[in-house]
Amino acid sequence: MRKLIALEEHLATPEVAEAWRTAPGTDRDRADVASMMDMAGEALLDVGKGRIAAMDDQGIDVQVLSLTAPGVQNLEAERAVPLARGANDAIAKAVSAHPDRFDGFATLPTPDPEASAVELRRAVTDLGLAGAMIHGRTGPVRLDDPRNEPIWAAAAELGAPIYVHPHQPVDEVRDAYYTGFDPATDSALASAAIGWHYETGMQVLRLILSGAFDRHPDLQLIVGHWGEVVLFYLDRITAVSGRFGTDLRRPIADYFRENVSYTGSGLTVPRMLRWTIELVGVERVMTAVDHPFIDNSGGGARRFLEEADLTEAEKDAIGSGNWERIRPAR
């Protein structure tokens, strides 16, 4: 395998970390962010020797850096816009310092979609970043909300892929489905155990049903965790798609196979890799290890793909070629 490029690799900046501590929202929201920083704060802030040493140990050649969840999406627009610019400048600086080891996704100030489109254009055109990462909903505003149309238009125009990363469900959903145990169990259920993945999969499905890809055929998404649950129900969704009152131009499965790519987000499970390839084809599969939240030490990231029952050409495609094909030209 000639190269391994990992796409869902997170960082934080001191300015954004400080903003999170005083962000609007519930105490539960702030506690979730504080827990993340307690768990991985030092590694998130490191975009130098320590991170590169970890990449070498994991077998990663290039990380595509991104501001970790919730980005600046939990902030007021007047704070989110300058913080997004600062974070993107920091990502571009890290890439410039180590251009052979880092690439970058922009973070977008989604509380202001028009400003997000402007910032995406600046990040891709002026800073040379590869696209953007969006952490699902912004407050109660879903990805398919018409207010977000400027973001999708800009991404399609630029040929800039958008990585849709998990975010917590809204409180009403969280209270209905993910409470009733101890606080630690409630939090895990609402997030990494299952809640994140239902939430993210529904965001992507809704975006497809909204006609976003008919309006913007060149729009490309990337989602992690082998399709965020919804991909594994693609046959069922297809079977009942005749009941949808939407007027899509293509069969619904085509959007999942032509406008979305998939990574494992550090879930090194061979059967999930095989199933994803069977559903969407090897050309739609890429690599991500979710640094620094998943342990891929001792060459684990590279070994997973090297030991997969795939041809060398398929390993090269998943390791780097598929990403290089959709990344906008620098």
Protein backbone atom coordinates (compact mmCIF):
# COMPACT_ATOMS: atom_id res chain seq x y z
CA MET A 1 0.00 0.00 0.00
CA ARG A 2 1.64 3.19 -1.18
CA LYS A 3 0.10 5.72 1.22
CA LEU A 4 -2.41 5.95 4.07
CA ILE A 5 -4.38 9.19 4.38
CA ALA A 6 -6.70 9.47 7.38
CA LEU A 7 -9.65 11.87 7.11
CA GLU A 8 -11.32 12.21 10.53
CA GLU A 9 -8.41 13.42 12.63
CA HIS A 10 -9.21 16.05 15.19
CA LEU A 11 -7.64 19.03 16.86
CA ALA A 12 -8.69 21.91 19.07
CA THR A 13 -7.45 25.46 19.43
CA PRO A 14 -7.09 27.22 22.79
CA GLU A 15 -9.48 29.94 21.66
CA VAL A 16 -12.25 27.53 20.70
CA ALA A 17 -11.70 25.41 23.81
CA GLU A 18 -12.17 28.52 25.95
CA ALA A 19 -15.31 29.49 24.03
CA TRP A 20 -16.79 26.05 24.67
CA ARG A 21 -16.52 26.57 28.42
CA THR A 22 -18.93 29.50 28.28
CA ALA A 23 -21.07 28.38 25.34
CA PRO A 24 -24.85 28.71 25.51
CA GLY A 25 -26.84 25.56 26.08
CA THR A 26 -27.43 23.18 28.92
CA ASP A 27 -25.03 22.15 31.65
CA ARG A 28 -25.15 18.71 30.04
CA ASP A 29 -23.84 20.10 26.75
CA ARG A 30 -20.95 21.85 28.47
CA ALA A 31 -20.19 18.73 30.50
CA ASP A 32 -19.94 16.67 27.30
CA VAL A 33 -17.36 19.06 25.85
CA ALA A 34 -15.46 19.27 29.13
CA SER A 35 -15.30 15.48 29.29
CA MET A 36 -13.86 15.34 25.77
CA MET A 37 -11.17 17.88 26.62
CA ASP A 38 -10.34 16.06 29.85
CA MET A 39 -9.95 12.82 27.90
CA ALA A 40 -7.87 14.09 24.99
CA GLY A 41 -7.20 17.80 25.41
CA GLU A 42 -3.41 17.62 25.25
CA ALA A 43 -3.42 15.50 22.10
CA LEU A 44 -6.08 17.70 20.49
CA LEU A 45 -3.95 20.81 20.98
CA ASP A 46 -0.78 19.18 19.59
CA VAL A 47 -0.21 19.73 15.87
CA GLY A 48 3.53 19.20 16.00
CA LYS A 49 6.03 16.55 16.98
CA GLY A 50 3.75 14.60 19.31
CA ARG A 51 1.03 14.21 16.70
CA ILE A 52 3.49 13.25 13.98
CA ALA A 53 5.09 10.68 16.29
CA ALA A 54 1.64 9.19 16.92
CA MET A 55 1.00 9.06 13.17
CA ASP A 56 4.27 7.25 12.61
CA ASP A 57 3.35 4.74 15.29
CA GLN A 58 -0.10 4.19 13.77
CA GLY A 59 1.20 3.86 10.21
CA ILE A 60 -0.52 7.03 9.00
CA ASP A 61 1.23 9.05 6.30
CA VAL A 62 -1.14 12.03 6.19
CA GLN A 63 -3.82 13.33 8.56
CA VAL A 64 -6.60 15.58 7.30
CA LEU A 65 -6.97 17.85 10.33
CA SER A 66 -10.35 19.09 11.55
CA LEU A 67 -11.68 20.97 14.54
CA THR A 68 -13.27 18.42 16.83
CA ALA A 69 -16.99 18.38 17.66
CA PRO A 70 -18.97 20.51 18.16
CA GLY A 71 -16.76 22.86 16.17
CA VAL A 72 -18.18 26.36 16.58
CA GLN A 73 -21.74 25.18 15.96
CA ASN A 74 -22.75 25.57 19.62
CA LEU A 75 -21.85 29.27 19.70
CA GLU A 76 -23.67 32.47 18.80
CA ALA A 77 -23.05 33.58 15.22
CA GLU A 78 -21.12 36.67 16.27
CA ARG A 79 -18.63 34.46 18.13
CA ALA A 80 -18.68 31.55 15.71
CA VAL A 81 -17.60 33.53 12.64
CA PRO A 82 -14.27 34.93 13.95
CA LEU A 83 -13.48 31.71 15.82
CA ALA A 84 -13.99 29.65 12.65
CA ARG A 85 -11.66 31.97 10.75
CA GLY A 86 -9.05 31.66 13.48
CA ALA A 87 -9.36 27.88 13.60
CA ASN A 88 -9.02 27.61 9.84
CA ASP A 89 -5.98 29.85 9.86
CA ALA A 90 -4.48 27.58 12.54
CA ILE A 91 -5.20 24.45 10.48
CA ALA A 92 -3.67 26.06 7.38
CA LYS A 93 -0.60 27.04 9.42
CA ALA A 94 -0.17 23.44 10.62
CA VAL A 95 -0.50 22.16 7.05
CA SER A 96 2.02 24.72 5.82
CA ALA A 97 4.50 23.66 8.50
CA HIS A 98 4.22 19.96 7.57
CA PRO A 99 2.75 19.80 4.05
CA ASP A 100 3.82 16.19 3.56
CA ARG A 101 2.03 15.05 6.74
CA PHE A 102 -1.07 17.24 7.09
CA ASP A 103 -4.05 18.35 5.04
CA GLY A 104 -7.10 20.10 6.44
CA PHE A 105 -10.87 20.43 6.58
CA ALA A 106 -12.28 23.85 7.37
CA THR A 107 -14.67 24.43 10.22
CA LEU A 108 -17.75 26.47 9.32
CA PRO A 109 -19.68 29.00 11.45
CA THR A 110 -22.98 27.28 10.69
CA PRO A 111 -25.03 29.56 12.99
CA ASP A 112 -24.61 31.95 10.03
CA PRO A 113 -24.95 29.90 6.80
CA GLU A 114 -24.13 32.84 4.51
CA ALA A 115 -20.93 33.49 6.45
CA SER A 116 -20.23 29.75 6.28
CA ALA A 117 -20.32 29.84 2.50
CA VAL A 118 -17.95 32.81 2.48
CA GLU A 119 -15.59 31.06 4.88
CA LEU A 120 -15.66 27.83 2.89
CA ARG A 121 -14.65 29.73 -0.23
CA ARG A 122 -11.83 31.47 1.66
CA ALA A 123 -10.63 28.22 3.24
CA VAL A 124 -10.50 26.30 -0.03
CA THR A 125 -9.44 29.07 -2.42
CA ASP A 126 -7.10 31.15 -0.24
CA LEU A 127 -5.91 28.69 2.42
CA GLY A 128 -5.79 25.58 0.25
CA LEU A 129 -7.90 23.45 2.60
CA ALA A 130 -9.63 20.36 1.26
CA GLY A 131 -13.27 21.00 2.13
CA ALA A 132 -15.04 21.22 5.47
CA MET A 133 -16.32 19.20 8.39
CA ILE A 134 -19.82 19.88 9.69
CA HIS A 135 -20.94 18.40 12.99
CA GLY A 136 -24.54 17.63 12.08
CA ARG A 137 -27.25 19.95 13.29
CA THR A 138 -26.77 23.52 14.54
CA GLY A 139 -29.07 23.81 17.53
CA PRO A 140 -32.47 22.72 16.19
CA VAL A 141 -31.50 23.51 12.58
CA ARG A 142 -31.03 20.31 10.57
CA LEU A 143 -28.69 19.99 7.61
CA ASP A 144 -31.62 19.94 5.18
CA ASP A 145 -33.01 23.23 6.47
CA PRO A 146 -33.35 25.70 3.56
CA ARG A 147 -31.25 28.18 5.52
CA ASN A 148 -28.22 25.96 4.86
CA GLU A 149 -28.57 26.12 1.08
CA PRO A 150 -25.64 28.58 0.67
CA ILE A 151 -23.29 26.00 2.19
CA TRP A 152 -24.26 23.25 -0.23
CA ALA A 153 -24.13 25.60 -3.21
CA ALA A 154 -20.63 26.77 -2.30
CA ALA A 155 -19.36 23.23 -1.66
CA ALA A 156 -20.66 22.00 -5.02
CA GLU A 157 -19.27 25.01 -6.86
CA LEU A 158 -15.83 24.52 -5.28
CA GLY A 159 -15.82 20.74 -5.64
CA ALA A 160 -15.14 20.69 -1.90
CA PRO A 161 -16.31 17.57 -0.01
CA ILE A 162 -18.16 18.01 3.28
CA TYR A 163 -17.44 15.49 6.02
CA VAL A 164 -20.57 15.08 8.16
CA HIS A 165 -19.42 14.27 11.68
CA PRO A 166 -21.63 13.12 14.57
CA HIS A 167 -23.19 15.49 17.07
CA GLN A 168 -25.45 14.94 20.07
CA PRO A 169 -29.18 14.56 19.38
CA VAL A 170 -31.42 17.41 20.47
CA ASP A 171 -32.44 17.32 24.11
CA GLU A 172 -35.97 16.08 23.38
CA VAL A 173 -34.60 13.00 21.61
CA ARG A 174 -31.89 12.54 24.17
CA ASP A 175 -34.38 12.65 27.04
CA ALA A 176 -36.79 10.26 25.32
CA TYR A 177 -34.30 7.57 24.31
CA TYR A 178 -31.02 7.97 26.15
CA THR A 179 -31.83 8.65 29.80
CA GLY A 180 -32.90 6.63 32.80
CA PHE A 181 -29.54 5.11 33.73
CA ASP A 182 -26.62 6.66 35.56
CA PRO A 183 -25.18 9.86 34.01
CA ALA A 184 -22.20 8.08 32.45
CA THR A 185 -24.41 5.48 30.75
CA ASP A 186 -26.90 8.11 29.60
CA SER A 187 -24.09 10.13 28.04
CA ALA A 188 -22.53 7.11 26.32
CA LEU A 189 -25.87 5.98 24.87
CA ALA A 190 -26.59 9.46 23.50
CA SER A 191 -23.16 9.70 21.93
CA ALA A 192 -20.60 7.10 20.91
CA ALA A 193 -22.62 3.96 21.67
CA ILE A 194 -25.52 4.67 19.28
CA GLY A 195 -27.07 8.15 19.58
CA TRP A 196 -24.49 9.96 17.46
CA HIS A 197 -24.88 7.46 14.67
CA TYR A 198 -28.66 7.47 14.36
CA GLU A 199 -28.52 11.27 14.50
CA THR A 200 -25.89 11.57 11.76
CA GLY A 201 -27.45 8.96 9.50
CA MET A 202 -30.80 10.73 9.68
CA GLN A 203 -29.17 14.06 8.85
CA VAL A 204 -27.68 12.55 5.68
CA LEU A 205 -30.91 10.76 4.70
CA ARG A 206 -32.91 13.95 5.18
CA LEU A 207 -30.43 15.92 3.07
CA ILE A 208 -30.88 13.41 0.24
CA LEU A 209 -34.68 13.53 0.54
CA SER A 210 -34.60 17.34 0.48
CA GLY A 211 -33.30 17.22 -3.09
CA ALA A 212 -29.96 18.82 -2.24
CA PHE A 213 -28.10 16.50 -4.61
CA ASP A 214 -30.57 17.16 -7.42
CA ARG A 215 -30.00 20.88 -7.00
CA HIS A 216 -26.24 20.34 -6.65
CA PRO A 217 -25.23 17.14 -8.47
CA ASP A 218 -21.54 17.80 -7.79
CA LEU A 219 -22.02 17.96 -4.01
CA GLN A 220 -20.01 15.26 -2.24
CA LEU A 221 -20.34 14.15 1.38
CA ILE A 222 -18.18 11.88 3.50
CA VAL A 223 -19.57 10.08 6.54
CA GLY A 224 -17.82 7.90 9.06
CA HIS A 225 -18.58 4.81 11.15
CA TRP A 226 -19.29 2.78 8.00
CA GLY A 227 -22.28 4.88 7.00
CA GLU A 228 -23.68 5.96 10.37
CA VAL A 229 -26.23 3.12 10.65
CA VAL A 230 -28.41 4.32 7.75
CA LEU A 231 -26.21 2.71 5.09
CA PHE A 232 -26.89 -0.72 6.56
CA TYR A 233 -30.61 -0.13 6.07
CA LEU A 234 -30.16 0.93 2.45
CA ASP A 235 -32.07 -2.06 1.10
CA ARG A 236 -34.96 -1.37 3.46
CA ILE A 237 -34.95 2.35 2.68
CA THR A 238 -34.96 1.54 -1.04
CA ALA A 239 -37.83 -0.90 -0.59
CA VAL A 240 -40.09 1.72 1.00
CA SER A 241 -38.83 4.72 -0.98
CA GLY A 242 -41.95 4.62 -3.15
CA ARG A 243 -43.88 5.92 -0.16
CA PHE A 244 -41.81 9.09 0.04
CA GLY A 245 -43.63 12.13 -1.25
CA THR A 246 -40.42 13.65 -2.53
CA ASP A 247 -39.68 14.01 -6.22
CA LEU A 248 -36.11 12.78 -6.48
CA ARG A 249 -34.58 12.48 -9.94
CA ARG A 250 -32.74 9.24 -9.22
CA PRO A 251 -33.36 6.09 -7.17
CA ILE A 252 -32.50 6.85 -3.57
CA ALA A 253 -29.69 4.29 -3.45
CA ASP A 254 -27.89 6.14 -6.24
CA TYR A 255 -27.27 9.13 -3.99
CA PHE A 256 -25.65 6.92 -1.36
CA ARG A 257 -23.43 5.41 -4.06
CA GLU A 258 -22.63 8.50 -6.12
CA ASN A 259 -22.66 11.47 -3.73
CA VAL A 260 -21.45 9.97 -0.45
CA SER A 261 -18.18 8.31 0.55
CA TYR A 262 -17.57 6.32 3.72
CA THR A 263 -14.89 5.76 6.33
CA GLY A 264 -14.67 3.53 9.37
CA SER A 265 -13.71 6.30 11.84
CA GLY A 266 -11.31 3.93 13.58
CA LEU A 267 -13.77 1.02 13.71
CA THR A 268 -11.40 -1.62 12.41
CA VAL A 269 -14.02 -4.32 11.92
CA PRO A 270 -13.39 -6.45 8.79
CA ARG A 271 -17.03 -7.47 8.29
CA MET A 272 -18.11 -3.80 8.31
CA LEU A 273 -15.50 -2.99 5.68
CA ARG A 274 -16.68 -5.92 3.53
CA TRP A 275 -20.34 -4.95 3.90
CA THR A 276 -19.69 -1.32 2.99
CA ILE A 277 -17.77 -2.35 -0.12
CA GLU A 278 -20.57 -4.73 -1.09
CA LEU A 279 -23.16 -1.95 -0.75
CA VAL A 280 -21.42 1.00 -2.39
CA GLY A 281 -18.25 -0.27 -4.07
CA VAL A 282 -14.61 0.03 -3.15
CA GLU A 283 -14.37 3.39 -4.91
CA ARG A 284 -16.57 4.93 -2.20
CA VAL A 285 -14.50 3.80 0.79
CA MET A 286 -11.77 5.85 2.44
CA THR A 287 -9.73 5.76 5.65
CA ALA A 288 -10.18 7.51 9.01
CA VAL A 289 -8.90 6.59 12.46
CA ASP A 290 -10.54 9.29 14.68
CA HIS A 291 -7.32 10.54 16.27
CA PRO A 292 -6.89 11.01 19.21
CA PHE A 293 -10.02 9.23 20.45
CA ILE A 294 -9.36 5.73 19.06
CA ASP A 295 -6.22 3.76 19.90
CA ASN A 296 -4.48 2.75 16.68
CA SER A 297 -1.03 2.41 18.20
CA GLY A 298 1.47 -0.18 17.12
CA GLY A 299 0.64 0.19 13.44
CA GLY A 300 -3.02 -0.68 13.95
CA ALA A 301 -4.39 1.73 11.37
CA ARG A 302 -2.18 0.46 8.56
CA ARG A 303 -2.39 -3.20 9.59
CA PHE A 304 -6.20 -3.20 9.33
CA LEU A 305 -6.09 -2.32 5.66
CA GLU A 306 -2.98 -4.32 4.81
CA GLU A 307 -4.56 -7.49 6.22
CA ALA A 308 -7.93 -6.95 4.51
CA ASP A 309 -8.97 -9.46 1.85
CA LEU A 310 -8.50 -6.96 -0.97
CA THR A 311 -6.27 -6.56 -3.98
CA GLU A 312 -3.32 -4.19 -3.74
CA ALA A 313 -5.11 -1.81 -6.09
CA GLU A 314 -8.16 -1.80 -3.81
CA LYS A 315 -6.01 -1.15 -0.74
CA ASP A 316 -4.33 1.75 -2.53
CA ALA A 317 -7.74 3.16 -3.45
CA ILE A 318 -9.05 3.02 0.11
CA GLY A 319 -5.76 4.15 1.60
CA SER A 320 -5.36 7.27 -0.50
CA GLY A 321 -6.55 7.09 -4.10
CA ASN A 322 -10.26 7.62 -3.51
CA TRP A 323 -9.55 10.67 -1.38
CA GLU A 324 -7.10 12.11 -3.88
CA ARG A 325 -9.75 11.70 -6.59
CA ILE A 326 -12.36 13.89 -4.87
CA ARG A 327 -10.09 16.38 -3.13
CA PRO A 328 -10.17 19.76 -4.89
CA ALA A 329 -6.96 20.73 -6.64
CA ARG A 330 -4.62 22.80 -4.52
